[in-house]
Amino acid sequence: MFCYLFSVGKESRAQTLQGGKRQIQQLGSQLQLNQHCLDTAFNFFKMVVSKHLTRGRKTEHVIAACLYLVCRTEGTPHMLLDLSDLLQVNVYILGKTFLLLARELCINAPAIGEDL
């Protein structure tokens, strides 16, 4: 019985990762992010899934937060509001998810305009 449950869990995780990758590609292309940024966002997403940080959160919010983490770490000109507009989601909800992921993944996202 345990082996069956373990195998179902692996299948579920694979489906989550596959769907996440597809959503990252779609949303990332709308933001015109390059492949490096998309790959980095997917790596963040894999870390989020492995730490079970998706539980109780909408996948699209987690994906948006992963993409925004990349935007901040890579210095792209995108704002959280851009993702909020694309998804039609309250920017504060995305911000809360972003802050949680940045803290839990120990990613120090530079402040906007830090180089000014």
C-alpha atoms as a PDB file:
ATOM      1  CA  MET A   1       0.000   0.000   0.000  1.00  0.00           C
ATOM      2  CA  PHE A   2       2.795   2.444   0.914  1.00  0.00           C
ATOM      3  CA  CYS A   3       4.561   1.857  -2.418  1.00  0.00           C
ATOM      4  CA  TYR A   4       1.329   2.667  -4.234  1.00  0.00           C
ATOM      5  CA  LEU A   5       0.891   5.933  -2.332  1.00  0.00           C
ATOM      6  CA  PHE A   6       4.520   6.875  -2.924  1.00  0.00           C
ATOM      7  CA  SER A   7       4.134   6.255  -6.652  1.00  0.00           C
ATOM      8  CA  VAL A   8       0.951   8.347  -6.779  1.00  0.00           C
ATOM      9  CA  GLY A   9       2.809  11.159  -4.997  1.00  0.00           C
ATOM     10  CA  LYS A  10       5.614  11.049  -7.566  1.00  0.00           C
ATOM     11  CA  GLU A  11       3.067  11.174 -10.404  1.00  0.00           C
ATOM     12  CA  SER A  12       1.293  14.109  -8.811  1.00  0.00           C
ATOM     13  CA  ARG A  13       4.567  15.989  -8.353  1.00  0.00           C
ATOM     14  CA  ALA A  14       5.515  15.340 -11.988  1.00  0.00           C
ATOM     15  CA  GLN A  15       2.144  16.682 -13.133  1.00  0.00           C
ATOM     16  CA  THR A  16       2.532  19.750 -10.926  1.00  0.00           C
ATOM     17  CA  LEU A  17       5.994  20.440 -12.354  1.00  0.00           C
ATOM     18  CA  GLN A  18       4.838  19.887 -15.930  1.00  0.00           C
ATOM     19  CA  GLY A  19       1.855  22.209 -15.502  1.00  0.00           C
ATOM     20  CA  GLY A  20       4.027  24.763 -13.739  1.00  0.00           C
ATOM     21  CA  LYS A  21       6.558  24.765 -16.547  1.00  0.00           C
ATOM     22  CA  ARG A  22       3.784  25.303 -19.097  1.00  0.00           C
ATOM     23  CA  GLN A  23       2.303  28.191 -17.100  1.00  0.00           C
ATOM     24  CA  ILE A  24       5.726  29.780 -16.603  1.00  0.00           C
ATOM     25  CA  GLN A  25       6.323  29.634 -20.367  1.00  0.00           C
ATOM     26  CA  GLN A  26       2.917  31.198 -21.103  1.00  0.00           C
ATOM     27  CA  LEU A  27       3.080  33.972 -18.535  1.00  0.00           C
ATOM     28  CA  GLY A  28       6.774  34.597 -19.169  1.00  0.00           C
ATOM     29  CA  SER A  29       6.197  35.007 -22.891  1.00  0.00           C
ATOM     30  CA  GLN A  30       3.484  37.576 -22.170  1.00  0.00           C
ATOM     31  CA  LEU A  31       6.075  39.489 -20.155  1.00  0.00           C
ATOM     32  CA  GLN A  32       8.639  38.946 -22.949  1.00  0.00           C
ATOM     33  CA  LEU A  33      11.149  37.338 -20.585  1.00  0.00           C
ATOM     34  CA  ASN A  34      14.110  35.521 -22.111  1.00  0.00           C
ATOM     35  CA  GLN A  35      14.682  31.769 -21.797  1.00  0.00           C
ATOM     36  CA  HIS A  36      17.258  32.201 -19.028  1.00  0.00           C
ATOM     37  CA  CYS A  37      14.656  33.983 -16.888  1.00  0.00           C
ATOM     38  CA  LEU A  38      12.051  31.305 -17.635  1.00  0.00           C
ATOM     39  CA  ASP A  39      14.489  28.535 -16.713  1.00  0.00           C
ATOM     40  CA  THR A  40      15.389  30.306 -13.481  1.00  0.00           C
ATOM     41  CA  ALA A  41      11.702  30.779 -12.623  1.00  0.00           C
ATOM     42  CA  PHE A  42      11.133  27.056 -13.212  1.00  0.00           C
ATOM     43  CA  ASN A  43      14.062  26.237 -10.911  1.00  0.00           C
ATOM     44  CA  PHE A  44      12.475  28.428  -8.231  1.00  0.00           C
ATOM     45  CA  PHE A  45       9.166  26.635  -8.822  1.00  0.00           C
ATOM     46  CA  LYS A  46      10.839  23.229  -8.398  1.00  0.00           C
ATOM     47  CA  MET A  47      12.301  24.396  -5.076  1.00  0.00           C
ATOM     48  CA  VAL A  48       8.872  25.650  -3.982  1.00  0.00           C
ATOM     49  CA  VAL A  49       7.265  22.307  -4.842  1.00  0.00           C
ATOM     50  CA  SER A  50       9.999  20.337  -3.075  1.00  0.00           C
ATOM     51  CA  LYS A  51       9.471  22.423   0.096  1.00  0.00           C
ATOM     52  CA  HIS A  52       5.676  21.933  -0.170  1.00  0.00           C
ATOM     53  CA  LEU A  53       5.081  25.690  -0.312  1.00  0.00           C
ATOM     54  CA  THR A  54       2.321  25.257  -2.895  1.00  0.00           C
ATOM     55  CA  ARG A  55      -0.069  23.783  -0.330  1.00  0.00           C
ATOM     56  CA  GLY A  56      -2.993  26.101   0.276  1.00  0.00           C
ATOM     57  CA  ARG A  57      -1.935  28.488  -2.482  1.00  0.00           C
ATOM     58  CA  LYS A  58      -3.179  28.884  -6.020  1.00  0.00           C
ATOM     59  CA  THR A  59      -0.614  27.619  -8.490  1.00  0.00           C
ATOM     60  CA  GLU A  60      -0.949  30.727 -10.651  1.00  0.00           C
ATOM     61  CA  HIS A  61      -0.058  32.907  -7.651  1.00  0.00           C
ATOM     62  CA  VAL A  62       3.016  30.786  -6.914  1.00  0.00           C
ATOM     63  CA  ILE A  63       4.056  30.898 -10.592  1.00  0.00           C
ATOM     64  CA  ALA A  64       3.640  34.674 -10.692  1.00  0.00           C
ATOM     65  CA  ALA A  65       5.711  35.005  -7.516  1.00  0.00           C
ATOM     66  CA  CYS A  66       8.460  32.808  -9.020  1.00  0.00           C
ATOM     67  CA  LEU A  67       8.498  34.940 -12.165  1.00  0.00           C
ATOM     68  CA  TYR A  68       8.628  38.114 -10.098  1.00  0.00           C
ATOM     69  CA  LEU A  69      11.515  36.693  -8.057  1.00  0.00           C
ATOM     70  CA  VAL A  70      13.384  36.306 -11.336  1.00  0.00           C
ATOM     71  CA  CYS A  71      12.469  39.825 -12.427  1.00  0.00           C
ATOM     72  CA  ARG A  72      13.891  41.187  -9.180  1.00  0.00           C
ATOM     73  CA  THR A  73      17.047  39.059  -9.135  1.00  0.00           C
ATOM     74  CA  GLU A  74      17.774  39.633 -12.838  1.00  0.00           C
ATOM     75  CA  GLY A  75      16.900  43.328 -12.750  1.00  0.00           C
ATOM     76  CA  THR A  76      14.205  43.304 -15.433  1.00  0.00           C
ATOM     77  CA  PRO A  77      11.888  46.341 -15.517  1.00  0.00           C
ATOM     78  CA  HIS A  78       8.740  44.382 -14.586  1.00  0.00           C
ATOM     79  CA  MET A  79       6.650  45.211 -11.557  1.00  0.00           C
ATOM     80  CA  LEU A  80       4.410  42.974  -9.479  1.00  0.00           C
ATOM     81  CA  LEU A  81       1.525  45.064 -10.779  1.00  0.00           C
ATOM     82  CA  ASP A  82       2.272  43.790 -14.317  1.00  0.00           C
ATOM     83  CA  LEU A  83       1.725  40.207 -13.171  1.00  0.00           C
ATOM     84  CA  SER A  84      -1.305  41.229 -11.153  1.00  0.00           C
ATOM     85  CA  ASP A  85      -2.856  42.829 -14.240  1.00  0.00           C
ATOM     86  CA  LEU A  86      -2.146  39.796 -16.431  1.00  0.00           C
ATOM     87  CA  LEU A  87      -3.721  37.396 -13.939  1.00  0.00           C
ATOM     88  CA  GLN A  88      -6.461  39.763 -12.760  1.00  0.00           C
ATOM     89  CA  VAL A  89      -5.409  39.120  -9.153  1.00  0.00           C
ATOM     90  CA  ASN A  90      -5.071  41.540  -6.259  1.00  0.00           C
ATOM     91  CA  VAL A  91      -1.479  42.775  -6.153  1.00  0.00           C
ATOM     92  CA  TYR A  92      -1.355  42.397  -2.357  1.00  0.00           C
ATOM     93  CA  ILE A  93      -2.146  38.675  -2.618  1.00  0.00           C
ATOM     94  CA  LEU A  94       0.734  38.220  -5.067  1.00  0.00           C
ATOM     95  CA  GLY A  95       2.965  40.352  -2.859  1.00  0.00           C
ATOM     96  CA  LYS A  96       2.242  38.163   0.152  1.00  0.00           C
ATOM     97  CA  THR A  97       3.101  35.032  -1.845  1.00  0.00           C
ATOM     98  CA  PHE A  98       6.250  36.670  -3.227  1.00  0.00           C
ATOM     99  CA  LEU A  99       7.488  37.653   0.239  1.00  0.00           C
ATOM    100  CA  LEU A 100       6.818  34.170   1.608  1.00  0.00           C
ATOM    101  CA  LEU A 101       8.711  32.478  -1.234  1.00  0.00           C
ATOM    102  CA  ALA A 102      11.637  34.900  -1.037  1.00  0.00           C
ATOM    103  CA  ARG A 103      11.910  34.267   2.709  1.00  0.00           C
ATOM    104  CA  GLU A 104      11.473  30.471   2.572  1.00  0.00           C
ATOM    105  CA  LEU A 105      13.873  30.039  -0.369  1.00  0.00           C
ATOM    106  CA  CYS A 106      16.387  32.438   1.241  1.00  0.00           C
ATOM    107  CA  ILE A 107      16.493  34.597  -1.871  1.00  0.00           C
ATOM    108  CA  ASN A 108      17.553  38.162  -1.280  1.00  0.00           C
ATOM    109  CA  ALA A 109      15.607  40.029  -3.956  1.00  0.00           C
ATOM    110  CA  PRO A 110      17.165  43.466  -4.500  1.00  0.00           C
ATOM    111  CA  ALA A 111      14.945  46.461  -3.841  1.00  0.00           C
ATOM    112  CA  ILE A 112      13.516  48.187  -6.884  1.00  0.00           C
ATOM    113  CA  GLY A 113      15.593  51.173  -7.961  1.00  0.00           C
ATOM    114  CA  GLU A 114      18.481  50.111  -5.745  1.00  0.00           C
ATOM    115  CA  ASP A 115      20.936  51.141  -8.452  1.00  0.00           C
ATOM    116  CA  LEU A 116      19.529  54.674  -8.763  1.00  0.00           C
END
